[in-house]
Amino acid sequence: MKKVNVALVGLAFGGFFSEIYKVHPNVGRLILFDTDKAREENLCKRLGITERYDSFEDILKDPDIDAVHLVTPFPMHEEQTVAVLESGKHCACTVPMGLTIEGLRKIVEAVRRTGKNYMMMETTLYTYQFFYAQQMKARGDFGRIQFLRGCHYQDMTKWPDYWLGLPPMYYSTHAISPITVLADSRIKSVSCVGSGSMDPAYESYYGNTFPVESAHLEYENGLKGEVTRTLFETSREYVEGFYVYGSEKTFEWGFKDNDAPLVTTLIPPKEGNRGSTSETEEIALPNYVEDLPESIQKFAVGGGDFDPLNPHKSWEKGLGAGHHGSHPHLVHEFISSIMEERKPWIDECLGANITAAGICAHESAKRGGEKIQVPEF
């Protein structure tokens, strides 16, 4: 099959992905587009790209572009994703998939109508930490999984206006995704409480009064999970984390953003004693680059701080490694799914279930914790 021609739309955070696409062995043309033309020009110059487009619509009209990766403000995701799919192109999109159940349905319907791929580019599902927990599950290390937790603590003060006052669960995919995949089951219902008080100036954007939301998830296979999300006016170091509590071993990551995870092993009581004991080990994680093409392996290792206002920061060290090594894995899965004519792993159904759970959770919080059924897609 021919190489995949890709348009990368949105170059602030999206700039992190540009060089990965540029050197991926299965990518042909790479188009970079941003409404900030100075940012676009600087990045094109850095990567030696001369081809430019005047508008997003011009990209959609080009029949030679096979795929579009959207890294645009999340209020645009629903409309832009449908437009990409209906233009006959595959679509990858940063999280969240959308902000409304209706919008999620339109995306799922567009995928089925056009036959094109949709991939939700969820970083937590390609981190070193998730890969390690996934391997533990595959080996049976957990025994029986008993409970799961996810968390995402972040303060968005002075971010662009569309962030201000956002219901925390609308942007909860980083916390919900890893525990949902490890539960290996669809989220069927959710109940959620909101807590705290919001700056009244922020309430006007979404009508949301909660800076903190905490939800319980119920899975079809009977497992339960809990997710806590903070967005404003809550003093806590930035953390994305998840916890898997098993009958034999437990995995915990999420104390500090860069802390190594902990694995605790349950030790049954010796004969004549009562009460089990445990041993806890701090895990040194491998880089998990074996399945990546050699040309993009460097983007999964080494340093480089994530800074959406300066996407070149980590390049100064010659490395990427954004979001705990996830970026090259996301790119490779999206491109490989197109080359191999199969659905990507985080497809429209998985993405919609994870995103819808967050939307339903906020609705539950508004209703005082009422259980809400998560729609099927």
Protein backbone atom coordinates (compact mmCIF):
# COMPACT_ATOMS: atom_id res chain seq x y z
CA MET A 1 0.00 0.00 0.00
CA LYS A 2 1.16 3.55 -0.68
CA LYS A 3 2.36 5.76 2.14
CA VAL A 4 -0.21 7.75 4.11
CA ASN A 5 -0.44 11.48 3.45
CA VAL A 6 -1.29 13.27 6.69
CA ALA A 7 -2.48 16.75 7.66
CA LEU A 8 -1.73 17.79 11.24
CA VAL A 9 -4.19 20.51 12.27
CA GLY A 10 -3.41 22.56 15.39
CA LEU A 11 0.28 23.05 16.18
CA ALA A 12 0.49 24.23 19.80
CA PHE A 13 0.30 20.87 21.55
CA GLY A 14 0.07 19.32 18.09
CA GLY A 15 3.61 20.46 17.36
CA PHE A 16 4.82 17.58 19.52
CA PHE A 17 3.57 15.12 16.91
CA SER A 18 4.88 16.84 13.79
CA GLU A 19 8.42 15.47 13.69
CA ILE A 20 7.15 11.98 14.56
CA TYR A 21 4.93 12.04 11.47
CA LYS A 22 7.75 13.57 9.42
CA VAL A 23 10.13 10.65 10.03
CA HIS A 24 7.59 7.81 10.25
CA PRO A 25 8.45 5.33 7.47
CA ASN A 26 4.84 4.96 6.32
CA VAL A 27 4.02 8.67 6.07
CA GLY A 28 4.34 10.39 2.70
CA ARG A 29 3.30 14.04 2.54
CA LEU A 30 2.94 15.92 5.80
CA ILE A 31 0.80 19.06 5.87
CA LEU A 32 0.99 21.37 8.89
CA PHE A 33 -1.86 23.78 9.53
CA ASP A 34 -2.65 26.31 12.25
CA THR A 35 -4.73 29.47 12.36
CA ASP A 36 -1.68 31.08 14.02
CA LYS A 37 0.33 31.52 10.82
CA ALA A 38 3.51 32.57 12.64
CA ARG A 39 3.49 29.30 14.59
CA GLU A 40 2.77 27.36 11.40
CA GLU A 41 5.56 29.11 9.49
CA ASN A 42 8.14 28.51 12.22
CA LEU A 43 7.34 24.82 12.47
CA CYS A 44 7.26 24.32 8.71
CA LYS A 45 10.63 26.00 8.42
CA ARG A 46 12.07 23.81 11.17
CA LEU A 47 10.92 20.63 9.45
CA GLY A 48 11.64 21.73 5.90
CA ILE A 49 7.98 21.70 4.82
CA THR A 50 7.10 24.13 2.03
CA GLU A 51 3.54 23.09 1.21
CA ARG A 52 0.97 25.31 2.95
CA TYR A 53 -2.84 25.62 3.03
CA ASP A 54 -4.98 28.71 3.57
CA SER A 55 -7.81 27.02 5.46
CA PHE A 56 -9.01 23.83 7.13
CA GLU A 57 -11.61 23.53 4.36
CA ASP A 58 -8.86 23.49 1.72
CA ILE A 59 -7.30 20.49 3.46
CA LEU A 60 -10.62 18.64 3.35
CA LYS A 61 -10.94 19.35 -0.37
CA ASP A 62 -7.53 17.86 -1.25
CA PRO A 63 -8.21 14.29 -2.45
CA ASP A 64 -4.53 13.36 -2.02
CA ILE A 65 -4.63 13.75 1.78
CA ASP A 66 -5.53 10.42 3.37
CA ALA A 67 -5.76 11.32 7.06
CA VAL A 68 -6.16 14.29 9.37
CA HIS A 69 -4.96 14.51 12.98
CA LEU A 70 -6.95 17.15 14.87
CA VAL A 71 -5.22 18.85 17.81
CA THR A 72 -7.68 21.72 18.02
CA PRO A 73 -9.75 23.22 20.87
CA PHE A 74 -12.17 20.59 22.17
CA PRO A 75 -15.37 22.61 21.45
CA MET A 76 -14.51 22.05 17.76
CA HIS A 77 -13.92 18.29 17.94
CA GLU A 78 -17.40 17.04 17.12
CA GLU A 79 -17.99 19.22 14.05
CA GLN A 80 -14.43 18.94 12.70
CA THR A 81 -14.25 15.17 13.16
CA VAL A 82 -17.47 14.61 11.23
CA ALA A 83 -16.24 16.98 8.50
CA VAL A 84 -12.96 15.06 8.16
CA LEU A 85 -14.71 11.69 7.94
CA GLU A 86 -17.29 12.93 5.45
CA SER A 87 -14.53 14.36 3.27
CA GLY A 88 -13.33 10.77 2.80
CA LYS A 89 -10.35 10.96 5.15
CA HIS A 90 -9.36 9.01 8.25
CA CYS A 91 -9.46 11.03 11.45
CA ALA A 92 -7.40 11.03 14.64
CA CYS A 93 -8.44 13.51 17.31
CA THR A 94 -7.09 14.56 20.67
CA VAL A 95 -9.33 14.16 23.71
CA PRO A 96 -12.11 14.49 24.58
CA MET A 97 -13.96 12.98 21.64
CA GLY A 98 -16.76 15.52 22.17
CA LEU A 99 -18.84 17.39 24.74
CA THR A 100 -22.33 16.03 24.01
CA ILE A 101 -23.90 12.59 23.62
CA GLU A 102 -25.49 13.77 20.37
CA GLY A 103 -22.08 14.79 19.04
CA LEU A 104 -20.59 11.40 19.91
CA ARG A 105 -23.42 9.68 18.05
CA LYS A 106 -22.80 11.82 14.97
CA ILE A 107 -19.14 10.78 14.94
CA VAL A 108 -19.98 7.08 15.33
CA GLU A 109 -22.56 7.34 12.56
CA ALA A 110 -20.08 9.14 10.30
CA VAL A 111 -17.53 6.34 10.79
CA ARG A 112 -20.10 3.71 9.86
CA ARG A 113 -21.39 5.73 6.91
CA THR A 114 -17.97 6.50 5.40
CA GLY A 115 -15.98 3.40 6.37
CA LYS A 116 -13.08 5.61 7.46
CA ASN A 117 -11.09 5.18 10.67
CA TYR A 118 -11.57 7.29 13.77
CA MET A 119 -9.00 7.14 16.60
CA MET A 120 -9.26 8.97 19.91
CA MET A 121 -5.66 9.90 20.72
CA GLU A 122 -5.74 9.06 24.42
CA THR A 123 -2.21 9.42 25.81
CA THR A 124 -2.67 7.41 29.04
CA LEU A 125 -3.27 4.20 27.09
CA TYR A 126 0.25 4.34 25.62
CA THR A 127 2.28 5.38 28.67
CA TYR A 128 5.08 3.30 30.19
CA GLN A 129 2.89 2.92 33.28
CA PHE A 130 -0.13 1.57 31.40
CA PHE A 131 1.97 -0.85 29.36
CA TYR A 132 3.41 -2.27 32.59
CA ALA A 133 -0.02 -2.71 34.21
CA GLN A 134 -1.36 -4.25 30.99
CA GLN A 135 1.46 -6.82 31.04
CA MET A 136 0.73 -7.59 34.69
CA LYS A 137 -2.86 -8.33 33.78
CA ALA A 138 -1.86 -10.49 30.80
CA ARG A 139 0.35 -12.59 33.10
CA GLY A 140 -2.42 -12.95 35.68
CA ASP A 141 -0.38 -11.09 38.30
CA PHE A 142 -3.37 -9.26 39.77
CA GLY A 143 -5.28 -12.45 40.49
CA ARG A 144 -8.88 -11.26 40.53
CA ILE A 145 -9.20 -7.52 39.92
CA GLN A 146 -11.34 -6.23 42.79
CA PHE A 147 -11.55 -2.46 42.23
CA LEU A 148 -10.06 0.31 40.06
CA ARG A 149 -9.41 4.00 40.55
CA GLY A 150 -8.36 6.83 38.26
CA CYS A 151 -7.43 10.43 38.99
CA HIS A 152 -6.46 13.60 37.18
CA TYR A 153 -5.58 16.69 39.18
CA GLN A 154 -4.84 19.90 37.30
CA ASP A 155 -5.45 23.63 37.61
CA MET A 156 -6.47 25.39 34.37
CA THR A 157 -6.45 29.00 35.61
CA LYS A 158 -5.56 31.46 32.83
CA TRP A 159 -5.86 28.83 30.11
CA PRO A 160 -7.86 29.83 26.98
CA ASP A 161 -11.45 30.88 27.67
CA TYR A 162 -13.03 27.64 26.46
CA TRP A 163 -11.39 25.85 29.42
CA LEU A 164 -12.72 28.20 32.09
CA GLY A 165 -15.37 26.69 34.31
CA LEU A 166 -15.38 23.42 32.35
CA PRO A 167 -17.14 20.58 34.20
CA PRO A 168 -14.21 18.41 35.39
CA MET A 169 -15.77 15.19 34.12
CA TYR A 170 -16.04 16.58 30.59
CA TYR A 171 -12.25 16.19 30.41
CA SER A 172 -11.82 13.01 32.43
CA THR A 173 -10.61 10.60 29.73
CA HIS A 174 -7.07 10.48 31.16
CA ALA A 175 -8.51 9.06 34.38
CA ILE A 176 -11.29 6.88 32.95
CA SER A 177 -9.43 5.31 30.00
CA PRO A 178 -6.77 3.17 31.73
CA ILE A 179 -9.12 1.62 34.29
CA THR A 180 -11.78 0.94 31.65
CA VAL A 181 -9.39 -0.92 29.36
CA LEU A 182 -7.97 -2.88 32.31
CA ALA A 183 -11.52 -3.71 33.46
CA ASP A 184 -12.00 -5.11 29.94
CA SER A 185 -15.65 -4.09 29.97
CA ARG A 186 -18.00 -1.33 28.80
CA ILE A 187 -19.05 1.31 31.32
CA LYS A 188 -22.81 0.84 31.70
CA SER A 189 -23.71 3.39 34.40
CA VAL A 190 -22.22 6.18 36.45
CA SER A 191 -23.07 8.21 39.54
CA CYS A 192 -21.16 11.33 40.49
CA VAL A 193 -20.97 14.03 43.13
CA GLY A 194 -19.68 17.54 42.60
CA SER A 195 -17.91 19.39 45.38
CA GLY A 196 -16.56 22.79 46.29
CA SER A 197 -17.44 26.24 45.00
CA MET A 198 -16.40 27.84 41.72
CA ASP A 199 -15.34 31.41 41.11
CA PRO A 200 -18.61 33.01 39.88
CA ALA A 201 -16.76 34.49 36.92
CA TYR A 202 -16.04 30.95 35.70
CA GLU A 203 -19.61 29.72 36.14
CA SER A 204 -20.83 31.83 33.23
CA TYR A 205 -19.02 29.71 30.61
CA TYR A 206 -20.69 26.32 31.18
CA GLY A 207 -23.05 26.92 34.10
CA ASN A 208 -20.90 24.59 36.18
CA THR A 209 -20.48 25.22 39.91
CA PHE A 210 -18.12 22.33 40.74
CA PRO A 211 -14.30 22.58 40.66
CA VAL A 212 -14.12 18.92 41.77
CA GLU A 213 -16.14 15.91 40.63
CA SER A 214 -15.87 12.31 41.82
CA ALA A 215 -17.67 9.48 40.03
CA HIS A 216 -18.36 5.78 40.54
CA LEU A 217 -18.37 3.69 37.37
CA GLU A 218 -20.23 0.41 36.96
CA TYR A 219 -18.97 -1.99 34.30
CA GLU A 220 -21.01 -4.61 32.47
CA ASN A 221 -18.85 -7.41 33.91
CA GLY A 222 -19.66 -6.36 37.48
CA LEU A 223 -16.46 -4.50 38.31
CA LYS A 224 -16.63 -1.03 39.81
CA GLY A 225 -14.30 1.95 39.55
CA GLU A 226 -13.92 5.43 41.01
CA VAL A 227 -12.58 8.54 39.27
CA THR A 228 -11.75 11.93 40.76
CA ARG A 229 -11.11 14.98 38.59
CA THR A 230 -10.15 18.52 39.63
CA LEU A 231 -9.82 21.49 37.30
CA PHE A 232 -9.90 24.72 39.30
CA GLU A 233 -9.17 26.24 42.68
CA THR A 234 -7.95 23.00 44.27
CA SER A 235 -4.42 22.86 45.63
CA ARG A 236 -2.81 19.67 44.29
CA GLU A 237 0.28 18.89 42.25
CA TYR A 238 -0.51 17.94 38.63
CA VAL A 239 -1.10 14.20 38.46
CA GLU A 240 -2.59 11.71 36.04
CA GLY A 241 -2.82 8.33 37.74
CA PHE A 242 -4.58 5.00 38.00
CA TYR A 243 -4.76 2.17 40.53
CA VAL A 244 -5.62 -1.49 40.06
CA TYR A 245 -6.44 -3.44 43.23
CA GLY A 246 -6.11 -7.20 42.81
CA SER A 247 -6.52 -10.25 45.04
CA GLU A 248 -2.80 -11.02 44.65
CA LYS A 249 -1.10 -7.83 43.49
CA THR A 250 -1.98 -4.13 43.32
CA PHE A 251 -0.59 -1.49 40.94
CA GLU A 252 -0.60 2.17 42.00
CA TRP A 253 0.58 5.19 40.03
CA GLY A 254 -0.45 8.74 40.72
CA PHE A 255 1.26 10.20 43.76
CA LYS A 256 3.38 12.67 41.78
CA ASP A 257 3.32 13.01 38.00
CA ASN A 258 6.79 11.54 37.48
CA ASP A 259 6.87 9.07 40.39
CA ALA A 260 7.57 5.43 39.64
CA PRO A 261 4.56 3.17 40.20
CA LEU A 262 4.29 0.88 43.19
CA VAL A 263 3.37 -2.81 43.07
CA THR A 264 2.17 -4.41 46.30
CA THR A 265 2.11 -8.21 46.71
CA LEU A 266 -0.22 -9.81 49.23
CA ILE A 267 1.50 -12.41 51.43
CA PRO A 268 -0.97 -14.88 53.01
CA PRO A 269 -0.61 -15.54 56.74
CA LYS A 270 1.57 -18.42 57.85
CA GLU A 271 -0.06 -21.37 59.54
CA GLY A 272 -1.21 -20.41 63.01
CA ASN A 273 -1.19 -16.69 62.23
CA ARG A 274 -3.99 -14.44 61.12
CA GLY A 275 -4.01 -11.42 58.86
CA SER A 276 -2.04 -11.21 55.62
CA THR A 277 1.02 -9.01 55.20
CA SER A 278 2.34 -7.31 52.06
CA GLU A 279 5.49 -6.27 50.26
CA THR A 280 5.65 -3.09 48.17
CA GLU A 281 8.15 -2.54 45.36
CA GLU A 282 8.90 0.62 43.39
CA ILE A 283 9.06 -0.26 39.70
CA ALA A 284 11.71 0.96 37.26
CA LEU A 285 9.85 1.06 33.95
CA PRO A 286 11.24 0.01 30.56
CA ASN A 287 10.73 2.26 27.50
CA TYR A 288 8.61 -0.16 25.42
CA VAL A 289 10.03 0.87 22.05
CA GLU A 290 10.37 -2.63 20.55
CA ASP A 291 7.21 -2.38 18.44
CA LEU A 292 7.99 1.08 17.08
CA PRO A 293 9.84 1.75 13.81
CA GLU A 294 13.44 2.62 14.56
CA SER A 295 13.05 6.12 13.14
CA ILE A 296 10.54 7.15 15.84
CA GLN A 297 11.87 5.22 18.85
CA LYS A 298 13.76 8.25 20.12
CA PHE A 299 10.47 10.07 20.74
CA ALA A 300 9.51 7.55 23.44
CA VAL A 301 12.64 7.87 25.55
CA GLY A 302 14.53 10.48 27.50
CA GLY A 303 13.57 13.86 28.87
CA GLY A 304 11.71 16.90 27.68
CA ASP A 305 9.03 18.61 29.71
CA PHE A 306 5.51 18.86 28.35
CA ASP A 307 4.75 22.50 27.62
CA PRO A 308 1.81 23.18 25.27
CA LEU A 309 2.94 26.79 24.83
CA ASN A 310 6.37 25.72 23.58
CA PRO A 311 6.16 22.53 21.51
CA HIS A 312 9.85 22.71 20.61
CA LYS A 313 11.08 22.58 24.18
CA SER A 314 11.88 18.87 24.30
CA TRP A 315 13.33 18.93 20.79
CA GLU A 316 16.20 21.01 22.11
CA LYS A 317 17.41 17.76 23.68
CA GLY A 318 16.72 15.81 20.50
CA LEU A 319 13.95 13.88 22.22
CA GLY A 320 10.18 13.85 22.52
CA ALA A 321 8.84 11.60 25.29
CA GLY A 322 5.71 13.67 25.82
CA HIS A 323 3.06 12.22 28.14
CA HIS A 324 5.28 9.41 29.42
CA GLY A 325 6.42 8.14 26.03
CA SER A 326 2.96 7.87 24.47
CA HIS A 327 3.22 10.16 21.45
CA PRO A 328 5.08 7.89 18.97
CA HIS A 329 2.87 4.93 19.92
CA LEU A 330 -0.25 6.97 19.16
CA VAL A 331 1.07 8.03 15.77
CA HIS A 332 2.23 4.53 14.89
CA GLU A 333 -1.11 2.93 15.80
CA PHE A 334 -3.06 5.47 13.75
CA ILE A 335 -0.85 5.07 10.68
CA SER A 336 -0.64 1.27 11.05
CA SER A 337 -4.43 0.93 11.26
CA ILE A 338 -4.74 2.74 7.92
CA MET A 339 -1.94 0.76 6.26
CA GLU A 340 -3.37 -2.55 7.53
CA GLU A 341 -6.99 -1.60 6.70
CA ARG A 342 -8.26 -2.31 10.22
CA LYS A 343 -9.82 -0.31 13.03
CA PRO A 344 -7.43 1.47 15.39
CA TRP A 345 -7.33 0.16 18.95
CA ILE A 346 -9.02 3.25 20.48
CA ASP A 347 -11.81 3.34 17.94
CA GLU A 348 -15.10 5.26 17.85
CA CYS A 349 -16.94 2.84 20.18
CA LEU A 350 -14.30 2.71 22.91
CA GLY A 351 -13.70 6.46 22.64
CA ALA A 352 -17.42 7.19 22.83
CA ASN A 353 -17.97 4.96 25.87
CA ILE A 354 -15.12 6.60 27.80
CA THR A 355 -16.14 10.13 26.82
CA ALA A 356 -19.86 9.54 27.37
CA ALA A 357 -19.17 8.27 30.89
CA GLY A 358 -17.67 11.66 31.74
CA ILE A 359 -20.57 13.56 30.17
CA CYS A 360 -23.08 11.41 32.07
CA ALA A 361 -21.08 11.81 35.27
CA HIS A 362 -21.48 15.59 35.20
CA GLU A 363 -25.21 15.19 34.54
CA SER A 364 -25.34 12.92 37.60
CA ALA A 365 -23.52 15.53 39.70
CA LYS A 366 -26.09 18.15 38.66
CA ARG A 367 -28.82 15.74 39.85
CA GLY A 368 -27.22 15.17 43.24
CA GLY A 369 -25.55 11.85 42.45
CA GLU A 370 -28.40 10.12 40.59
CA LYS A 371 -27.30 7.01 38.70
CA ILE A 372 -27.18 7.64 34.94
CA GLN A 373 -27.13 4.92 32.27
CA VAL A 374 -24.33 5.38 29.74
CA PRO A 375 -25.73 5.00 26.21
CA GLU A 376 -24.41 2.29 23.89
CA PHE A 377 -22.75 3.22 20.60
